[in-house]
Amino acid sequence: MPYLEIDRYRSYYAGDLSKGGTPIVFCHGSGGGHHHWIYQLKKLPETINPIAVDLPGHGRSEGSPENNIGNYRDWLHKFSKAAGLEKFVVAGHSMGGAIAMAYALKYPEQTIGLILVGSGAKLRVLPAFLEELRQGSVPTDLPDYLYSSGSADELIKRGREEVENTDPSIYLADLSACDHFDIREEL
């Protein structure tokens, strides 16, 4: 399995660092993992080199989740150095998009481009969600906010299972990071 050591922790990624083509590093959203990018990993053309990371404390990566987008951004920079990536496209969904934008602002010389999915320069979280997470439980209606009503039933079912099987502390850290994220002035 592909791991890199970052800050003494094993960090998982899916993809092939030795493959040619333009690297695209995919960052998942709150509570997620590299598997959220499975179709991109399988279906992109040969001219692209997709790499999907598990952020610290997520999926197969060791460490702890962060409650600050800047910390994830800095981790991604260490990942890129350990992976030997000089320039790449940063793609991100939701919180991953926040990480991508923060990365591009701090490391523009490494950033070829951005792919942002369901993200924004300011990410607010329902205060009730944060309060429930602080009390140690995941809001039961969280999955309802993650998928549109028109999503495939199987996708919603898998999403609900993932939410139920993810430690609430991961969502608390991630959603706190999102709630404090605001780079509108910088942009």
Foldseek 3Di string as FASTA:
>chain_A
DDWFQDPNKTWDKDWDLPQAAAEEEEEEAFLAFQVVCVCVRPPDDSNYTYMYTAFDPHDPIHHNAALALVVSLVSVVRVCVRSVQQAHAYEYEASSQLSRVVNCLVCVRRYPYYHYHNYDQAAADPPVQLVVLVVFDGPQCVLVVVDDPPDDPVVSVVSSVSRVPGGSSRNNSRNSNRNPGHCVVVD
